[in-house]
């Protein structure tokens, strides 16, 4: 196992309350990321340093590119679509008092797998739901607590998933129709090392896991062996994703919410250049 503590750079110095959801958009060569609790969607162009900011009308848990342009948003009250001209419409609206959208990911078949959680983090109050482009919703898990990182192996035969309070990264088999079965633990994060939050999968099939209150990103092999630790100075590391033209730079979001004396970089977007090689992510087919 390799441990590194100085390989990161600051991509965007920010004070996001709950920075989350880094996603590389190959159509625009920009990184998408967000601040959930301040209802903000950010973009960052590493080639020019240009940044944009869009405010949403409610808390936003995830943002992903759409195949035809625009964005799909996992919002407090459901799944919304933002067209390239800025027009907003609901794909699936299902408000539940006390609940909001959280992390989400696009499957190889173009469906969106979107998680929810209760604001009070009540056990079993969250879900994981599969959405297709026509708005069809299929509940995958109805008893999650803090539905978080989701990703697929490079060959699409496995899906990885985190329900943060379990301290586990679970793995499912992907069936021929794109559904999942045979849930089992891949990794359990030990006490004192933080809680698993967001994840991404690299070209070698290894799983990178951001550790909330762990101040690190870990890389696990497909067999669950801890392979690498990237130590960071901010405790609340929330999510990670590969980006850049060659998908070799690891972008990491962070949070400052709940910290009485946040580190100066808490809430910033960090990057680890040349950390590995990612896999191109599909756009939402809707």
Protein backbone atom coordinates (compact mmCIF):
# COMPACT_ATOMS: atom_id res chain seq x y z
CA UNK A 1 0.00 0.00 0.00
CA UNK A 2 1.20 3.51 -0.87
CA UNK A 3 0.35 6.58 1.20
CA UNK A 4 0.77 10.09 -0.18
CA UNK A 5 0.06 13.37 1.55
CA UNK A 6 1.37 16.15 -0.67
CA UNK A 7 0.24 15.16 -4.18
CA UNK A 8 -2.89 17.32 -4.27
CA UNK A 9 -3.38 20.81 -5.69
CA UNK A 10 -6.19 23.31 -5.19
CA UNK A 11 -8.32 23.46 -8.33
CA UNK A 12 -10.89 25.89 -6.91
CA UNK A 13 -10.49 27.62 -3.59
CA UNK A 14 -14.02 27.74 -2.22
CA UNK A 15 -16.02 27.61 0.98
CA UNK A 16 -18.72 25.14 -0.05
CA UNK A 17 -20.81 24.03 2.91
CA UNK A 18 -21.17 20.56 1.39
CA UNK A 19 -19.11 20.25 -1.78
CA UNK A 20 -20.07 17.08 -3.64
CA UNK A 21 -20.58 15.23 -6.89
CA UNK A 22 -17.53 15.88 -9.11
CA UNK A 23 -18.29 14.71 -12.65
CA UNK A 24 -16.24 15.21 -15.80
CA UNK A 25 -18.28 16.34 -18.79
CA UNK A 26 -16.35 15.27 -21.92
CA UNK A 27 -18.67 17.26 -24.21
CA UNK A 28 -17.48 20.54 -22.67
CA UNK A 29 -14.15 19.49 -21.11
CA UNK A 30 -15.37 20.86 -17.80
CA UNK A 31 -15.79 19.46 -14.33
CA UNK A 32 -19.25 19.67 -12.79
CA UNK A 33 -19.51 19.84 -9.01
CA UNK A 34 -21.95 21.25 -6.49
CA UNK A 35 -22.63 22.62 -3.05
CA UNK A 36 -25.67 20.70 -1.84
CA UNK A 37 -26.72 22.89 1.07
CA UNK A 38 -26.21 26.20 -0.75
CA UNK A 39 -28.11 24.90 -3.82
CA UNK A 40 -25.29 25.68 -6.24
CA UNK A 41 -24.05 23.90 -9.35
CA UNK A 42 -20.47 24.78 -10.31
CA UNK A 43 -18.41 24.17 -13.43
CA UNK A 44 -14.63 24.37 -13.70
CA UNK A 45 -12.54 24.41 -16.88
CA UNK A 46 -9.01 23.26 -15.97
CA UNK A 47 -7.58 24.47 -19.28
CA UNK A 48 -8.59 28.09 -18.74
CA UNK A 49 -9.49 28.26 -15.06
CA UNK A 50 -12.94 29.58 -16.02
CA UNK A 51 -15.69 28.87 -13.53
CA UNK A 52 -19.47 29.22 -13.65
CA UNK A 53 -22.13 29.10 -10.96
CA UNK A 54 -25.84 28.32 -11.21
CA UNK A 55 -28.21 28.46 -8.27
CA UNK A 56 -31.03 25.94 -8.01
CA UNK A 57 -34.38 26.54 -6.34
CA UNK A 58 -33.82 23.73 -3.84
CA UNK A 59 -31.05 21.55 -2.47
CA UNK A 60 -29.30 19.60 -5.22
CA UNK A 61 -27.62 16.26 -4.46
CA UNK A 62 -26.14 15.39 -7.85
CA UNK A 63 -25.73 16.76 -11.37
CA UNK A 64 -24.85 14.75 -14.49
CA UNK A 65 -24.61 15.50 -18.22
CA UNK A 66 -27.42 14.44 -20.55
CA UNK A 67 -26.78 12.70 -23.85
CA UNK A 68 -28.53 15.42 -25.85
CA UNK A 69 -27.01 18.30 -23.93
CA UNK A 70 -28.03 19.93 -20.70
CA UNK A 71 -28.05 18.41 -17.22
CA UNK A 72 -30.04 16.05 -15.05
CA UNK A 73 -30.36 17.06 -11.38
CA UNK A 74 -31.14 15.01 -8.29
CA UNK A 75 -33.06 17.62 -6.31
CA UNK A 76 -34.88 17.71 -2.99
CA UNK A 77 -38.24 16.91 -4.59
CA UNK A 78 -37.17 14.62 -7.42
CA UNK A 79 -35.33 14.47 -10.72
CA UNK A 80 -35.15 17.60 -12.84
CA UNK A 81 -33.91 18.28 -16.36
CA UNK A 82 -32.07 21.41 -17.41
CA UNK A 83 -32.06 21.94 -21.16
CA UNK A 84 -29.12 23.54 -22.99
CA UNK A 85 -31.07 26.80 -23.27
CA UNK A 86 -31.58 26.90 -19.50
CA UNK A 87 -35.19 25.68 -19.48
CA UNK A 88 -36.03 23.57 -16.42
CA UNK A 89 -38.64 20.82 -16.19
CA UNK A 90 -39.35 17.90 -13.89
CA UNK A 91 -38.67 14.38 -15.14
CA UNK A 92 -40.02 12.81 -11.94
CA UNK A 93 -41.34 14.87 -9.05
CA UNK A 94 -42.03 13.08 -5.77
CA UNK A 95 -41.59 15.37 -2.76
CA UNK A 96 -41.31 13.64 0.60
CA UNK A 97 -41.24 15.92 3.67
CA UNK A 98 -37.90 15.78 5.43
CA UNK A 99 -36.11 14.01 2.56
CA UNK A 100 -33.76 15.21 -0.20
CA UNK A 101 -31.80 13.86 -3.14
CA UNK A 102 -28.20 12.87 -2.50
CA UNK A 103 -25.52 11.23 -4.66
CA UNK A 104 -26.35 9.73 -8.05
CA UNK A 105 -24.59 8.01 -10.96
CA UNK A 106 -25.31 7.09 -14.56
CA UNK A 107 -25.20 3.38 -15.43
CA UNK A 108 -23.66 1.97 -18.62
CA UNK A 109 -27.16 1.76 -20.13
CA UNK A 110 -27.73 5.49 -19.61
CA UNK A 111 -30.15 5.17 -16.68
CA UNK A 112 -29.74 7.39 -13.62
CA UNK A 113 -29.38 5.71 -10.22
CA UNK A 114 -30.32 8.39 -7.72
CA UNK A 115 -30.13 8.21 -3.96
CA UNK A 116 -32.09 10.00 -1.26
CA UNK A 117 -31.71 10.53 2.47
CA UNK A 118 -33.62 12.17 5.28
CA UNK A 119 -32.28 15.45 6.61
CA UNK A 120 -32.20 13.91 10.09
CA UNK A 121 -30.44 10.81 8.68
CA UNK A 122 -33.10 8.54 10.16
CA UNK A 123 -32.17 4.87 9.59
CA UNK A 124 -33.90 3.40 6.56
CA UNK A 125 -35.32 6.75 5.49
CA UNK A 126 -33.50 6.87 2.17
CA UNK A 127 -33.78 5.10 -1.16
CA UNK A 128 -31.90 4.21 -4.32
CA UNK A 129 -34.01 4.51 -7.47
CA UNK A 130 -33.30 3.80 -11.14
CA UNK A 131 -34.69 6.36 -13.61
CA UNK A 132 -34.89 5.97 -17.35
CA UNK A 133 -35.10 8.80 -19.85
CA UNK A 134 -38.89 8.63 -20.10
CA UNK A 135 -39.23 9.22 -16.36
CA UNK A 136 -39.91 5.62 -15.37
CA UNK A 137 -38.81 5.07 -11.77
CA UNK A 138 -37.86 1.70 -10.31
CA UNK A 139 -36.96 1.43 -6.62
CA UNK A 140 -33.75 -0.56 -6.18
CA UNK A 141 -33.34 -0.10 -2.41
CA UNK A 142 -36.05 1.22 -0.11
CA UNK A 143 -34.19 1.02 3.20
CA UNK A 144 -31.01 3.04 2.74
CA UNK A 145 -30.01 5.63 5.32
CA UNK A 146 -27.52 7.94 3.56
CA UNK A 147 -27.49 6.69 -0.03
CA UNK A 148 -24.11 7.70 -1.42
CA UNK A 149 -21.38 6.60 -3.85
CA UNK A 150 -22.43 4.39 -6.78
CA UNK A 151 -20.32 3.16 -9.68
CA UNK A 152 -19.80 0.33 -12.15
CA UNK A 153 -16.81 -1.84 -13.06
CA UNK A 154 -15.22 -1.08 -16.45
CA UNK A 155 -16.87 -4.13 -18.02
CA UNK A 156 -20.26 -3.27 -16.50
CA UNK A 157 -20.68 -6.59 -14.69
CA UNK A 158 -20.42 -5.19 -11.15
CA UNK A 159 -21.96 -2.24 -9.34
CA UNK A 160 -20.44 -0.70 -6.22
CA UNK A 161 -22.57 1.14 -3.67
CA UNK A 162 -22.19 2.95 -0.36
CA UNK A 163 -24.80 3.53 2.34
CA UNK A 164 -22.54 5.66 4.51
CA UNK A 165 -23.55 4.64 8.08
CA UNK A 166 -22.90 0.97 7.30
CA UNK A 167 -19.19 1.85 6.86
CA UNK A 168 -19.20 -0.55 3.88
CA UNK A 169 -18.58 -0.51 0.18
CA UNK A 170 -20.95 -3.15 -1.18
CA UNK A 171 -20.80 -4.86 -4.56
CA UNK A 172 -23.65 -6.23 -6.68
CA UNK A 173 -23.70 -8.41 -9.77
CA UNK A 174 -25.27 -6.64 -12.75
CA UNK A 175 -27.84 -8.77 -14.55
CA UNK A 176 -28.39 -8.93 -18.31
CA UNK A 177 -31.18 -6.36 -18.13
CA UNK A 178 -29.05 -3.84 -16.20
CA UNK A 179 -30.54 -4.57 -12.78
CA UNK A 180 -28.52 -5.73 -9.78
CA UNK A 181 -28.48 -8.80 -7.55
CA UNK A 182 -26.39 -10.64 -4.96
CA UNK A 183 -25.42 -7.72 -2.72
CA UNK A 184 -22.36 -8.41 -0.56
CA UNK A 185 -19.67 -6.41 1.27
CA UNK A 186 -16.47 -5.62 -0.60
CA UNK A 187 -14.85 -3.42 2.05
CA UNK A 188 -15.62 -2.35 5.60
CA UNK A 189 -13.89 0.86 6.68
CA UNK A 190 -12.47 0.40 10.14
CA UNK A 191 -13.52 2.50 13.14
CA UNK A 192 -11.55 5.72 13.40
CA UNK A 193 -10.81 5.97 9.67
CA UNK A 194 -13.91 7.96 8.76
CA UNK A 195 -17.06 7.02 6.85
CA UNK A 196 -17.20 6.06 3.16
CA UNK A 197 -18.95 8.76 1.11
CA UNK A 198 -18.59 9.12 -2.67
CA UNK A 199 -16.73 6.71 -4.95
CA UNK A 200 -15.43 6.27 -8.48
CA UNK A 201 -13.98 3.32 -10.39
CA UNK A 202 -10.80 3.47 -12.46
CA UNK A 203 -9.75 1.71 -15.66
CA UNK A 204 -8.15 -1.11 -13.67
CA UNK A 205 -11.41 -1.79 -11.86
CA UNK A 206 -10.16 -0.36 -8.57
CA UNK A 207 -12.57 1.58 -6.38
CA UNK A 208 -11.60 5.02 -5.04
CA UNK A 209 -13.49 6.00 -1.88
CA UNK A 210 -13.72 9.44 -0.26
CA UNK A 211 -13.71 9.30 3.55
CA UNK A 212 -15.94 11.72 5.46
CA UNK A 213 -14.17 12.61 8.72
CA UNK A 214 -11.26 10.52 7.45
CA UNK A 215 -9.24 13.18 5.64
CA UNK A 216 -8.35 10.86 2.77
CA UNK A 217 -9.25 9.09 -0.44
CA UNK A 218 -8.57 5.36 -0.52
CA UNK A 219 -8.09 3.06 -3.50
CA UNK A 220 -9.24 -0.55 -3.14
CA UNK A 221 -8.56 -3.36 -5.59
CA UNK A 222 -11.47 -5.36 -7.06
CA UNK A 223 -10.81 -7.98 -4.38
CA UNK A 224 -11.18 -5.38 -1.60
CA UNK A 225 -7.50 -4.96 -0.76
CA UNK A 226 -6.43 -1.48 0.36
CA UNK A 227 -3.97 -0.39 -2.32
CA UNK A 228 -3.39 3.34 -1.85
CA UNK A 229 -4.23 6.19 0.51
CA UNK A 230 -4.14 9.85 -0.49
CA UNK A 231 -4.03 11.88 2.72
CA UNK A 232 -5.63 15.33 2.62
CA UNK A 233 -5.58 18.18 5.16
CA UNK A 234 -9.38 18.56 5.30
CA UNK A 235 -11.34 16.01 7.38
CA UNK A 236 -14.61 15.99 5.43
CA UNK A 237 -13.70 14.51 2.07
CA UNK A 238 -16.93 13.87 0.20
CA UNK A 239 -16.46 12.49 -3.32
CA UNK A 240 -13.96 11.88 -6.11
CA UNK A 241 -13.94 11.51 -9.89
CA UNK A 242 -11.39 11.31 -12.69
CA UNK A 243 -11.26 14.19 -15.14
CA UNK A 244 -9.11 16.05 -17.58
CA UNK A 245 -8.64 15.24 -21.30
CA UNK A 246 -6.98 11.90 -20.50
CA UNK A 247 -9.05 11.16 -17.37
CA UNK A 248 -5.87 10.94 -15.30
CA UNK A 249 -6.52 13.67 -12.74
CA UNK A 250 -8.50 12.81 -9.61
CA UNK A 251 -10.84 15.62 -8.54
CA UNK A 252 -11.95 15.63 -4.91
CA UNK A 253 -14.74 17.62 -3.26
CA UNK A 254 -14.74 18.61 0.40
CA UNK A 255 -17.09 20.09 3.01
CA UNK A 256 -16.95 22.51 5.91
CA UNK A 257 -20.46 22.00 7.33
CA UNK A 258 -20.47 21.16 11.02
CA UNK A 259 -16.83 22.02 11.60
CA UNK A 260 -16.31 24.56 14.41
CA UNK A 261 -12.93 25.68 13.02
CA UNK A 262 -12.71 24.60 9.36
CA UNK A 263 -9.38 24.15 7.66
CA UNK A 264 -8.75 26.98 5.14
CA UNK A 265 -9.26 24.50 2.29
CA UNK A 266 -12.46 22.95 3.65
CA UNK A 267 -15.13 23.32 0.98
CA UNK A 268 -12.60 23.62 -1.86
CA UNK A 269 -12.28 21.50 -5.00
CA UNK A 270 -8.95 19.65 -4.91
CA UNK A 271 -7.15 17.70 -7.63
CA UNK A 272 -4.48 15.01 -7.61
CA UNK A 273 -2.76 15.22 -11.03
CA UNK A 274 -1.82 11.92 -12.60
CA UNK A 275 -3.43 9.86 -9.86
CA UNK A 276 -4.48 7.07 -12.23
CA UNK A 277 -6.71 6.59 -15.23
CA UNK A 278 -10.46 6.84 -15.12
CA UNK A 279 -13.19 5.45 -17.32
CA UNK A 280 -15.36 7.65 -19.52
CA UNK A 281 -18.75 8.01 -17.86
CA UNK A 282 -21.97 7.71 -19.88
CA UNK A 283 -24.39 10.60 -20.10
CA UNK A 284 -27.98 10.27 -18.94
CA UNK A 285 -30.15 9.06 -21.80
CA UNK A 286 -32.92 11.55 -21.25
